[in-house]
Amino acid sequence: YGFDEIGNQTKKPSETVIQCKVKSVG
């Protein structure tokens, strides 16, 4: 989170790829 040049709050995504196992919901 930050602010642009006129003071509006901004939200910039940052992505990280990892390995996982997948399960179904019971």
mmCIF file of all heavy atoms, coordinates in Angstrom:
data_MODEL
# 
_entry.id   MODEL 
# 
loop_
_atom_site.group_PDB 
_atom_site.id 
_atom_site.type_symbol 
_atom_site.label_atom_id 
_atom_site.label_alt_id 
_atom_site.label_comp_id 
_atom_site.label_asym_id 
_atom_site.label_entity_id 
_atom_site.label_seq_id 
_atom_site.pdbx_PDB_ins_code 
_atom_site.Cartn_x 
_atom_site.Cartn_y 
_atom_site.Cartn_z 
_atom_site.occupancy 
_atom_site.B_iso_or_equiv 
_atom_site.pdbx_formal_charge 
_atom_site.auth_seq_id 
_atom_site.auth_comp_id 
_atom_site.auth_asym_id 
_atom_site.auth_atom_id 
_atom_site.pdbx_PDB_model_num 
ATOM 1   N N   . TYR A 1 1  ? 0.840   -1.185  0.000   1.00 0.00 ? 1  TYR A N   1 
ATOM 2   C CA  . TYR A 1 1  ? 0.000   0.000   0.000   1.00 0.00 ? 1  TYR A CA  1 
ATOM 3   C C   . TYR A 1 1  ? 0.875   1.235   0.000   1.00 0.00 ? 1  TYR A C   1 
ATOM 4   O O   . TYR A 1 1  ? 1.915   1.279   0.645   1.00 0.00 ? 1  TYR A O   1 
ATOM 5   C CB  . TYR A 1 1  ? -0.927  -0.009  1.223   1.00 0.00 ? 1  TYR A CB  1 
ATOM 6   C CG  . TYR A 1 1  ? -1.926  -1.127  1.176   1.00 0.00 ? 1  TYR A CG  1 
ATOM 7   C CD1 . TYR A 1 1  ? -1.651  -2.363  1.748   1.00 0.00 ? 1  TYR A CD1 1 
ATOM 8   C CD2 . TYR A 1 1  ? -3.143  -0.964  0.529   1.00 0.00 ? 1  TYR A CD2 1 
ATOM 9   C CE1 . TYR A 1 1  ? -2.562  -3.409  1.691   1.00 0.00 ? 1  TYR A CE1 1 
ATOM 10  C CE2 . TYR A 1 1  ? -4.065  -2.000  0.467   1.00 0.00 ? 1  TYR A CE2 1 
ATOM 11  C CZ  . TYR A 1 1  ? -3.768  -3.214  1.055   1.00 0.00 ? 1  TYR A CZ  1 
ATOM 12  O OH  . TYR A 1 1  ? -4.669  -4.239  0.991   1.00 0.00 ? 1  TYR A OH  1 
ATOM 13  N N   . GLY A 1 2  ? 0.445   2.226   -0.728  1.00 0.00 ? 2  GLY A N   1 
ATOM 14  C CA  . GLY A 1 2  ? 1.174   3.481   -0.795  1.00 0.00 ? 2  GLY A CA  1 
ATOM 15  C C   . GLY A 1 2  ? 0.232   4.583   -1.229  1.00 0.00 ? 2  GLY A C   1 
ATOM 16  O O   . GLY A 1 2  ? -0.989  4.447   -1.128  1.00 0.00 ? 2  GLY A O   1 
ATOM 17  N N   . PHE A 1 3  ? 0.816   5.663   -1.712  1.00 0.00 ? 3  PHE A N   1 
ATOM 18  C CA  . PHE A 1 3  ? 0.020   6.802   -2.153  1.00 0.00 ? 3  PHE A CA  1 
ATOM 19  C C   . PHE A 1 3  ? 0.532   7.276   -3.500  1.00 0.00 ? 3  PHE A C   1 
ATOM 20  O O   . PHE A 1 3  ? 1.731   7.236   -3.773  1.00 0.00 ? 3  PHE A O   1 
ATOM 21  C CB  . PHE A 1 3  ? 0.106   7.939   -1.124  1.00 0.00 ? 3  PHE A CB  1 
ATOM 22  C CG  . PHE A 1 3  ? -0.506  7.582   0.191   1.00 0.00 ? 3  PHE A CG  1 
ATOM 23  C CD1 . PHE A 1 3  ? 0.267   7.063   1.212   1.00 0.00 ? 3  PHE A CD1 1 
ATOM 24  C CD2 . PHE A 1 3  ? -1.867  7.729   0.404   1.00 0.00 ? 3  PHE A CD2 1 
ATOM 25  C CE1 . PHE A 1 3  ? -0.293  6.711   2.423   1.00 0.00 ? 3  PHE A CE1 1 
ATOM 26  C CE2 . PHE A 1 3  ? -2.442  7.380   1.609   1.00 0.00 ? 3  PHE A CE2 1 
ATOM 27  C CZ  . PHE A 1 3  ? -1.658  6.866   2.626   1.00 0.00 ? 3  PHE A CZ  1 
ATOM 28  N N   . ASP A 1 4  ? -0.399  7.725   -4.349  1.00 0.00 ? 4  ASP A N   1 
ATOM 29  C CA  . ASP A 1 4  ? 0.012   8.273   -5.638  1.00 0.00 ? 4  ASP A CA  1 
ATOM 30  C C   . ASP A 1 4  ? 0.394   9.738   -5.474  1.00 0.00 ? 4  ASP A C   1 
ATOM 31  O O   . ASP A 1 4  ? 0.393   10.275  -4.365  1.00 0.00 ? 4  ASP A O   1 
ATOM 32  C CB  . ASP A 1 4  ? -1.068  8.063   -6.700  1.00 0.00 ? 4  ASP A CB  1 
ATOM 33  C CG  . ASP A 1 4  ? -2.365  8.795   -6.412  1.00 0.00 ? 4  ASP A CG  1 
ATOM 34  O OD1 . ASP A 1 4  ? -2.388  9.696   -5.544  1.00 0.00 ? 4  ASP A OD1 1 
ATOM 35  O OD2 . ASP A 1 4  ? -3.374  8.480   -7.077  1.00 0.00 ? 4  ASP A OD2 1 
ATOM 36  N N   . GLU A 1 5  ? 0.696   10.399  -6.600  1.00 0.00 ? 5  GLU A N   1 
ATOM 37  C CA  . GLU A 1 5  ? 1.202   11.766  -6.554  1.00 0.00 ? 5  GLU A CA  1 
ATOM 38  C C   . GLU A 1 5  ? 0.207   12.785  -6.023  1.00 0.00 ? 5  GLU A C   1 
ATOM 39  O O   . GLU A 1 5  ? 0.594   13.870  -5.593  1.00 0.00 ? 5  GLU A O   1 
ATOM 40  C CB  . GLU A 1 5  ? 1.708   12.197  -7.939  1.00 0.00 ? 5  GLU A CB  1 
ATOM 41  C CG  . GLU A 1 5  ? 0.664   12.178  -9.041  1.00 0.00 ? 5  GLU A CG  1 
ATOM 42  C CD  . GLU A 1 5  ? 0.423   10.799  -9.642  1.00 0.00 ? 5  GLU A CD  1 
ATOM 43  O OE1 . GLU A 1 5  ? 1.197   9.854   -9.388  1.00 0.00 ? 5  GLU A OE1 1 
ATOM 44  O OE2 . GLU A 1 5  ? -0.577  10.652  -10.345 1.00 0.00 ? 5  GLU A OE2 1 
ATOM 45  N N   . ILE A 1 6  ? -1.097  12.441  -5.998  1.00 0.00 ? 6  ILE A N   1 
ATOM 46  C CA  . ILE A 1 6  ? -2.079  13.392  -5.454  1.00 0.00 ? 6  ILE A CA  1 
ATOM 47  C C   . ILE A 1 6  ? -2.646  12.944  -4.111  1.00 0.00 ? 6  ILE A C   1 
ATOM 48  O O   . ILE A 1 6  ? -3.611  13.509  -3.624  1.00 0.00 ? 6  ILE A O   1 
ATOM 49  C CB  . ILE A 1 6  ? -3.209  13.673  -6.469  1.00 0.00 ? 6  ILE A CB  1 
ATOM 50  C CG1 . ILE A 1 6  ? -3.961  12.400  -6.838  1.00 0.00 ? 6  ILE A CG1 1 
ATOM 51  C CG2 . ILE A 1 6  ? -2.670  14.371  -7.694  1.00 0.00 ? 6  ILE A CG2 1 
ATOM 52  C CD1 . ILE A 1 6  ? -5.206  12.636  -7.679  1.00 0.00 ? 6  ILE A CD1 1 
ATOM 53  N N   . GLY A 1 7  ? -2.048  11.902  -3.524  1.00 0.00 ? 7  GLY A N   1 
ATOM 54  C CA  . GLY A 1 7  ? -2.424  11.495  -2.177  1.00 0.00 ? 7  GLY A CA  1 
ATOM 55  C C   . GLY A 1 7  ? -3.457  10.397  -2.065  1.00 0.00 ? 7  GLY A C   1 
ATOM 56  O O   . GLY A 1 7  ? -3.873  10.056  -0.956  1.00 0.00 ? 7  GLY A O   1 
ATOM 57  N N   . ASN A 1 8  ? -3.891  9.823   -3.185  1.00 0.00 ? 8  ASN A N   1 
ATOM 58  C CA  . ASN A 1 8  ? -4.833  8.706   -3.135  1.00 0.00 ? 8  ASN A CA  1 
ATOM 59  C C   . ASN A 1 8  ? -4.088  7.430   -2.751  1.00 0.00 ? 8  ASN A C   1 
ATOM 60  O O   . ASN A 1 8  ? -2.975  7.194   -3.220  1.00 0.00 ? 8  ASN A O   1 
ATOM 61  C CB  . ASN A 1 8  ? -5.509  8.499   -4.486  1.00 0.00 ? 8  ASN A CB  1 
ATOM 62  C CG  . ASN A 1 8  ? -6.378  9.662   -4.884  1.00 0.00 ? 8  ASN A CG  1 
ATOM 63  O OD1 . ASN A 1 8  ? -7.097  10.219  -4.059  1.00 0.00 ? 8  ASN A OD1 1 
ATOM 64  N ND2 . ASN A 1 8  ? -6.299  10.046  -6.145  1.00 0.00 ? 8  ASN A ND2 1 
ATOM 65  N N   . GLN A 1 9  ? -4.717  6.609   -1.902  1.00 0.00 ? 9  GLN A N   1 
ATOM 66  C CA  . GLN A 1 9  ? -4.088  5.351   -1.523  1.00 0.00 ? 9  GLN A CA  1 
ATOM 67  C C   . GLN A 1 9  ? -4.073  4.403   -2.719  1.00 0.00 ? 9  GLN A C   1 
ATOM 68  O O   . GLN A 1 9  ? -5.053  4.295   -3.458  1.00 0.00 ? 9  GLN A O   1 
ATOM 69  C CB  . GLN A 1 9  ? -4.815  4.700   -0.358  1.00 0.00 ? 9  GLN A CB  1 
ATOM 70  C CG  . GLN A 1 9  ? -4.083  3.476   0.160   1.00 0.00 ? 9  GLN A CG  1 
ATOM 71  C CD  . GLN A 1 9  ? -4.714  2.872   1.390   1.00 0.00 ? 9  GLN A CD  1 
ATOM 72  O OE1 . GLN A 1 9  ? -5.861  3.123   1.697   1.00 0.00 ? 9  GLN A OE1 1 
ATOM 73  N NE2 . GLN A 1 9  ? -3.954  2.073   2.106   1.00 0.00 ? 9  GLN A NE2 1 
ATOM 74  N N   . THR A 1 10 ? -2.952  3.713   -2.908  1.00 0.00 ? 10 THR A N   1 
ATOM 75  C CA  . THR A 1 10 ? -2.808  2.737   -3.976  1.00 0.00 ? 10 THR A CA  1 
ATOM 76  C C   . THR A 1 10 ? -2.528  1.364   -3.389  1.00 0.00 ? 10 THR A C   1 
ATOM 77  O O   . THR A 1 10 ? -2.052  1.253   -2.257  1.00 0.00 ? 10 THR A O   1 
ATOM 78  C CB  . THR A 1 10 ? -1.665  3.124   -4.939  1.00 0.00 ? 10 THR A CB  1 
ATOM 79  O OG1 . THR A 1 10 ? -0.445  3.174   -4.205  1.00 0.00 ? 10 THR A OG1 1 
ATOM 80  C CG2 . THR A 1 10 ? -1.923  4.457   -5.613  1.00 0.00 ? 10 THR A CG2 1 
ATOM 81  N N   . LYS A 1 11 ? -2.850  0.356   -4.164  1.00 0.00 ? 11 LYS A N   1 
ATOM 82  C CA  . LYS A 1 11 ? -2.658  -1.030  -3.738  1.00 0.00 ? 11 LYS A CA  1 
ATOM 83  C C   . LYS A 1 11 ? -1.978  -1.764  -4.887  1.00 0.00 ? 11 LYS A C   1 
ATOM 84  O O   . LYS A 1 11 ? -2.572  -1.924  -5.958  1.00 0.00 ? 11 LYS A O   1 
ATOM 85  C CB  . LYS A 1 11 ? -4.019  -1.635  -3.411  1.00 0.00 ? 11 LYS A CB  1 
ATOM 86  C CG  . LYS A 1 11 ? -4.021  -3.062  -2.968  1.00 0.00 ? 11 LYS A CG  1 
ATOM 87  C CD  . LYS A 1 11 ? -5.451  -3.435  -2.573  1.00 0.00 ? 11 LYS A CD  1 
ATOM 88  C CE  . LYS A 1 11 ? -5.747  -4.881  -2.740  1.00 0.00 ? 11 LYS A CE  1 
ATOM 89  N NZ  . LYS A 1 11 ? -7.116  -5.234  -2.373  1.00 0.00 ? 11 LYS A NZ  1 
ATOM 90  N N   . LYS A 1 12 ? -0.743  -2.184  -4.684  1.00 0.00 ? 12 LYS A N   1 
ATOM 91  C CA  . LYS A 1 12 ? 0.028   -2.836  -5.736  1.00 0.00 ? 12 LYS A CA  1 
ATOM 92  C C   . LYS A 1 12 ? 0.269   -4.292  -5.349  1.00 0.00 ? 12 LYS A C   1 
ATOM 93  O O   . LYS A 1 12 ? 0.857   -4.569  -4.307  1.00 0.00 ? 12 LYS A O   1 
ATOM 94  C CB  . LYS A 1 12 ? 1.354   -2.114  -5.923  1.00 0.00 ? 12 LYS A CB  1 
ATOM 95  C CG  . LYS A 1 12 ? 2.217   -2.690  -7.003  1.00 0.00 ? 12 LYS A CG  1 
ATOM 96  C CD  . LYS A 1 12 ? 3.520   -1.921  -7.125  1.00 0.00 ? 12 LYS A CD  1 
ATOM 97  C CE  . LYS A 1 12 ? 4.427   -2.607  -8.113  1.00 0.00 ? 12 LYS A CE  1 
ATOM 98  N NZ  . LYS A 1 12 ? 5.740   -1.954  -8.171  1.00 0.00 ? 12 LYS A NZ  1 
ATOM 99  N N   . PRO A 1 13 ? -0.178  -5.245  -6.200  1.00 0.00 ? 13 PRO A N   1 
ATOM 100 C CA  . PRO A 1 13 ? 0.035   -6.656  -5.875  1.00 0.00 ? 13 PRO A CA  1 
ATOM 101 C C   . PRO A 1 13 ? 1.478   -7.093  -6.131  1.00 0.00 ? 13 PRO A C   1 
ATOM 102 O O   . PRO A 1 13 ? 2.147   -6.588  -7.026  1.00 0.00 ? 13 PRO A O   1 
ATOM 103 C CB  . PRO A 1 13 ? -0.925  -7.391  -6.801  1.00 0.00 ? 13 PRO A CB  1 
ATOM 104 C CG  . PRO A 1 13 ? -1.142  -6.465  -7.944  1.00 0.00 ? 13 PRO A CG  1 
ATOM 105 C CD  . PRO A 1 13 ? -0.966  -5.072  -7.409  1.00 0.00 ? 13 PRO A CD  1 
ATOM 106 N N   . SER A 1 14 ? 1.924   -8.018  -5.314  1.00 0.00 ? 14 SER A N   1 
ATOM 107 C CA  . SER A 1 14 ? 3.240   -8.634  -5.454  1.00 0.00 ? 14 SER A CA  1 
ATOM 108 C C   . SER A 1 14 ? 3.016   -10.142 -5.394  1.00 0.00 ? 14 SER A C   1 
ATOM 109 O O   . SER A 1 14 ? 2.396   -10.644 -4.454  1.00 0.00 ? 14 SER A O   1 
ATOM 110 C CB  . SER A 1 14 ? 4.144   -8.169  -4.319  1.00 0.00 ? 14 SER A CB  1 
ATOM 111 O OG  . SER A 1 14 ? 5.335   -8.904  -4.292  1.00 0.00 ? 14 SER A OG  1 
ATOM 112 N N   . GLU A 1 15 ? 3.507   -10.877 -6.393  1.00 0.00 ? 15 GLU A N   1 
ATOM 113 C CA  . GLU A 1 15 ? 3.222   -12.307 -6.499  1.00 0.00 ? 15 GLU A CA  1 
ATOM 114 C C   . GLU A 1 15 ? 4.458   -13.157 -6.253  1.00 0.00 ? 15 GLU A C   1 
ATOM 115 O O   . GLU A 1 15 ? 5.552   -12.806 -6.688  1.00 0.00 ? 15 GLU A O   1 
ATOM 116 C CB  . GLU A 1 15 ? 2.653   -12.624 -7.885  1.00 0.00 ? 15 GLU A CB  1 
ATOM 117 C CG  . GLU A 1 15 ? 1.353   -11.913 -8.171  1.00 0.00 ? 15 GLU A CG  1 
ATOM 118 C CD  . GLU A 1 15 ? 0.786   -12.236 -9.539  1.00 0.00 ? 15 GLU A CD  1 
ATOM 119 O OE1 . GLU A 1 15 ? 1.473   -12.910 -10.344 1.00 0.00 ? 15 GLU A OE1 1 
ATOM 120 O OE2 . GLU A 1 15 ? -0.351  -11.838 -9.804  1.00 0.00 ? 15 GLU A OE2 1 
ATOM 121 N N   . THR A 1 16 ? 4.252   -14.278 -5.547  1.00 0.00 ? 16 THR A N   1 
ATOM 122 C CA  . THR A 1 16 ? 5.292   -15.264 -5.315  1.00 0.00 ? 16 THR A CA  1 
ATOM 123 C C   . THR A 1 16 ? 4.726   -16.638 -5.655  1.00 0.00 ? 16 THR A C   1 
ATOM 124 O O   . THR A 1 16 ? 3.672   -17.016 -5.146  1.00 0.00 ? 16 THR A O   1 
ATOM 125 C CB  . THR A 1 16 ? 5.737   -15.260 -3.833  1.00 0.00 ? 16 THR A CB  1 
ATOM 126 O OG1 . THR A 1 16 ? 6.145   -13.950 -3.467  1.00 0.00 ? 16 THR A OG1 1 
ATOM 127 C CG2 . THR A 1 16 ? 6.856   -16.250 -3.598  1.00 0.00 ? 16 THR A CG2 1 
ATOM 128 N N   . VAL A 1 17 ? 5.416   -17.380 -6.519  1.00 0.00 ? 17 VAL A N   1 
ATOM 129 C CA  . VAL A 1 17 ? 4.961   -18.715 -6.905  1.00 0.00 ? 17 VAL A CA  1 
ATOM 130 C C   . VAL A 1 17 ? 5.680   -19.749 -6.043  1.00 0.00 ? 17 VAL A C   1 
ATOM 131 O O   . VAL A 1 17 ? 6.905   -19.722 -5.910  1.00 0.00 ? 17 VAL A O   1 
ATOM 132 C CB  . VAL A 1 17 ? 5.227   -18.990 -8.397  1.00 0.00 ? 17 VAL A CB  1 
ATOM 133 C CG1 . VAL A 1 17 ? 4.805   -20.405 -8.772  1.00 0.00 ? 17 VAL A CG1 1 
ATOM 134 C CG2 . VAL A 1 17 ? 4.512   -17.969 -9.261  1.00 0.00 ? 17 VAL A CG2 1 
ATOM 135 N N   . ILE A 1 18 ? 4.883   -20.631 -5.422  1.00 0.00 ? 18 ILE A N   1 
ATOM 136 C CA  . ILE A 1 18 ? 5.420   -21.723 -4.606  1.00 0.00 ? 18 ILE A CA  1 
ATOM 137 C C   . ILE A 1 18 ? 4.787   -23.031 -5.075  1.00 0.00 ? 18 ILE A C   1 
ATOM 138 O O   . ILE A 1 18 ? 3.848   -23.030 -5.869  1.00 0.00 ? 18 ILE A O   1 
ATOM 139 C CB  . ILE A 1 18 ? 5.167   -21.504 -3.099  1.00 0.00 ? 18 ILE A CB  1 
ATOM 140 C CG1 . ILE A 1 18 ? 3.664   -21.499 -2.793  1.00 0.00 ? 18 ILE A CG1 1 
ATOM 141 C CG2 . ILE A 1 18 ? 5.838   -20.228 -2.616  1.00 0.00 ? 18 ILE A CG2 1 
ATOM 142 C CD1 . ILE A 1 18 ? 3.339   -21.496 -1.304  1.00 0.00 ? 18 ILE A CD1 1 
ATOM 143 N N   . GLN A 1 19 ? 5.264   -24.137 -4.561  1.00 0.00 ? 19 GLN A N   1 
ATOM 144 C CA  . GLN A 1 19 ? 4.701   -25.447 -4.852  1.00 0.00 ? 19 GLN A CA  1 
ATOM 145 C C   . GLN A 1 19 ? 3.724   -25.840 -3.744  1.00 0.00 ? 19 GLN A C   1 
ATOM 146 O O   . GLN A 1 19 ? 3.921   -25.486 -2.578  1.00 0.00 ? 19 GLN A O   1 
ATOM 147 C CB  . GLN A 1 19 ? 5.805   -26.496 -4.962  1.00 0.00 ? 19 GLN A CB  1 
ATOM 148 C CG  . GLN A 1 19 ? 6.744   -26.264 -6.137  1.00 0.00 ? 19 GLN A CG  1 
ATOM 149 C CD  . GLN A 1 19 ? 6.026   -26.521 -7.446  1.00 0.00 ? 19 GLN A CD  1 
ATOM 150 O OE1 . GLN A 1 19 ? 5.621   -27.642 -7.736  1.00 0.00 ? 19 GLN A OE1 1 
ATOM 151 N NE2 . GLN A 1 19 ? 5.840   -25.481 -8.242  1.00 0.00 ? 19 GLN A NE2 1 
ATOM 152 N N   . CYS A 1 20 ? 2.675   -26.572 -4.115  1.00 0.00 ? 20 CYS A N   1 
ATOM 153 C CA  . CYS A 1 20 ? 1.668   -26.977 -3.143  1.00 0.00 ? 20 CYS A CA  1 
ATOM 154 C C   . CYS A 1 20 ? 1.130   -28.361 -3.477  1.00 0.00 ? 20 CYS A C   1 
ATOM 155 O O   . CYS A 1 20 ? 1.351   -28.888 -4.558  1.00 0.00 ? 20 CYS A O   1 
ATOM 156 C CB  . CYS A 1 20 ? 0.521   -25.969 -3.103  1.00 0.00 ? 20 CYS A CB  1 
ATOM 157 S SG  . CYS A 1 20 ? -0.545  -26.004 -4.563  1.00 0.00 ? 20 CYS A SG  1 
ATOM 158 N N   . LYS A 1 21 ? 0.403   -28.905 -2.526  1.00 0.00 ? 21 LYS A N   1 
ATOM 159 C CA  . LYS A 1 21 ? -0.434  -30.088 -2.736  1.00 0.00 ? 21 LYS A CA  1 
ATOM 160 C C   . LYS A 1 21 ? -1.871  -29.575 -2.773  1.00 0.00 ? 21 LYS A C   1 
ATOM 161 O O   . LYS A 1 21 ? -2.199  -28.594 -2.110  1.00 0.00 ? 21 LYS A O   1 
ATOM 162 C CB  . LYS A 1 21 ? -0.319  -31.068 -1.567  1.00 0.00 ? 21 LYS A CB  1 
ATOM 163 C CG  . LYS A 1 21 ? 1.056   -31.626 -1.314  1.00 0.00 ? 21 LYS A CG  1 
ATOM 164 C CD  . LYS A 1 21 ? 0.991   -32.536 -0.080  1.00 0.00 ? 21 LYS A CD  1 
ATOM 165 C CE  . LYS A 1 21 ? 2.347   -32.830 0.475   1.00 0.00 ? 21 LYS A CE  1 
ATOM 166 N NZ  . LYS A 1 21 ? 2.274   -33.629 1.713   1.00 0.00 ? 21 LYS A NZ  1 
ATOM 167 N N   . VAL A 1 22 ? -2.729  -30.238 -3.501  1.00 0.00 ? 22 VAL A N   1 
ATOM 168 C CA  . VAL A 1 22 ? -4.128  -29.830 -3.613  1.00 0.00 ? 22 VAL A CA  1 
ATOM 169 C C   . VAL A 1 22 ? -5.007  -30.906 -2.998  1.00 0.00 ? 22 VAL A C   1 
ATOM 170 O O   . VAL A 1 22 ? -4.801  -32.094 -3.233  1.00 0.00 ? 22 VAL A O   1 
ATOM 171 C CB  . VAL A 1 22 ? -4.525  -29.592 -5.085  1.00 0.00 ? 22 VAL A CB  1 
ATOM 172 C CG1 . VAL A 1 22 ? -5.983  -29.204 -5.196  1.00 0.00 ? 22 VAL A CG1 1 
ATOM 173 C CG2 . VAL A 1 22 ? -3.636  -28.530 -5.712  1.00 0.00 ? 22 VAL A CG2 1 
ATOM 174 N N   . LYS A 1 23 ? -5.981  -30.471 -2.190  1.00 0.00 ? 23 LYS A N   1 
ATOM 175 C CA  . LYS A 1 23 ? -6.961  -31.385 -1.586  1.00 0.00 ? 23 LYS A CA  1 
ATOM 176 C C   . LYS A 1 23 ? -8.353  -30.831 -1.838  1.00 0.00 ? 23 LYS A C   1 
ATOM 177 O O   . LYS A 1 23 ? -8.535  -29.633 -1.999  1.00 0.00 ? 23 LYS A O   1 
ATOM 178 C CB  . LYS A 1 23 ? -6.753  -31.462 -0.063  1.00 0.00 ? 23 LYS A CB  1 
ATOM 179 C CG  . LYS A 1 23 ? -5.541  -32.237 0.381   1.00 0.00 ? 23 LYS A CG  1 
ATOM 180 C CD  . LYS A 1 23 ? -5.375  -32.217 1.890   1.00 0.00 ? 23 LYS A CD  1 
ATOM 181 C CE  . LYS A 1 23 ? -6.574  -32.729 2.642   1.00 0.00 ? 23 LYS A CE  1 
ATOM 182 N NZ  . LYS A 1 23 ? -6.368  -32.746 4.103   1.00 0.00 ? 23 LYS A NZ  1 
ATOM 183 N N   . SER A 1 24 ? -9.313  -31.705 -1.832  1.00 0.00 ? 24 SER A N   1 
ATOM 184 C CA  . SER A 1 24 ? -10.694 -31.249 -1.948  1.00 0.00 ? 24 SER A CA  1 
ATOM 185 C C   . SER A 1 24 ? -11.257 -30.966 -0.558  1.00 0.00 ? 24 SER A C   1 
ATOM 186 O O   . SER A 1 24 ? -10.762 -31.474 0.448   1.00 0.00 ? 24 SER A O   1 
ATOM 187 C CB  . SER A 1 24 ? -11.554 -32.283 -2.667  1.00 0.00 ? 24 SER A CB  1 
ATOM 188 O OG  . SER A 1 24 ? -11.561 -33.487 -1.934  1.00 0.00 ? 24 SER A OG  1 
ATOM 189 N N   . VAL A 1 25 ? -12.290 -30.165 -0.528  1.00 0.00 ? 25 VAL A N   1 
ATOM 190 C CA  . VAL A 1 25 ? -12.994 -29.871 0.719   1.00 0.00 ? 25 VAL A CA  1 
ATOM 191 C C   . VAL A 1 25 ? -13.975 -31.005 0.950   1.00 0.00 ? 25 VAL A C   1 
ATOM 192 O O   . VAL A 1 25 ? -14.723 -31.383 0.048   1.00 0.00 ? 25 VAL A O   1 
ATOM 193 C CB  . VAL A 1 25 ? -13.735 -28.521 0.623   1.00 0.00 ? 25 VAL A CB  1 
ATOM 194 C CG1 . VAL A 1 25 ? -14.583 -28.274 1.850   1.00 0.00 ? 25 VAL A CG1 1 
ATOM 195 C CG2 . VAL A 1 25 ? -12.740 -27.391 0.417   1.00 0.00 ? 25 VAL A CG2 1 
ATOM 196 N N   . GLY A 1 26 ? -13.982 -31.558 2.148   1.00 0.00 ? 26 GLY A N   1 
ATOM 197 C CA  . GLY A 1 26 ? -14.879 -32.659 2.473   1.00 0.00 ? 26 GLY A CA  1 
ATOM 198 C C   . GLY A 1 26 ? -16.338 -32.228 2.512   1.00 0.00 ? 26 GLY A C   1 
ATOM 199 O O   . GLY A 1 26 ? -16.658 -31.055 2.723   1.00 0.00 ? 26 GLY A O   1 
# 
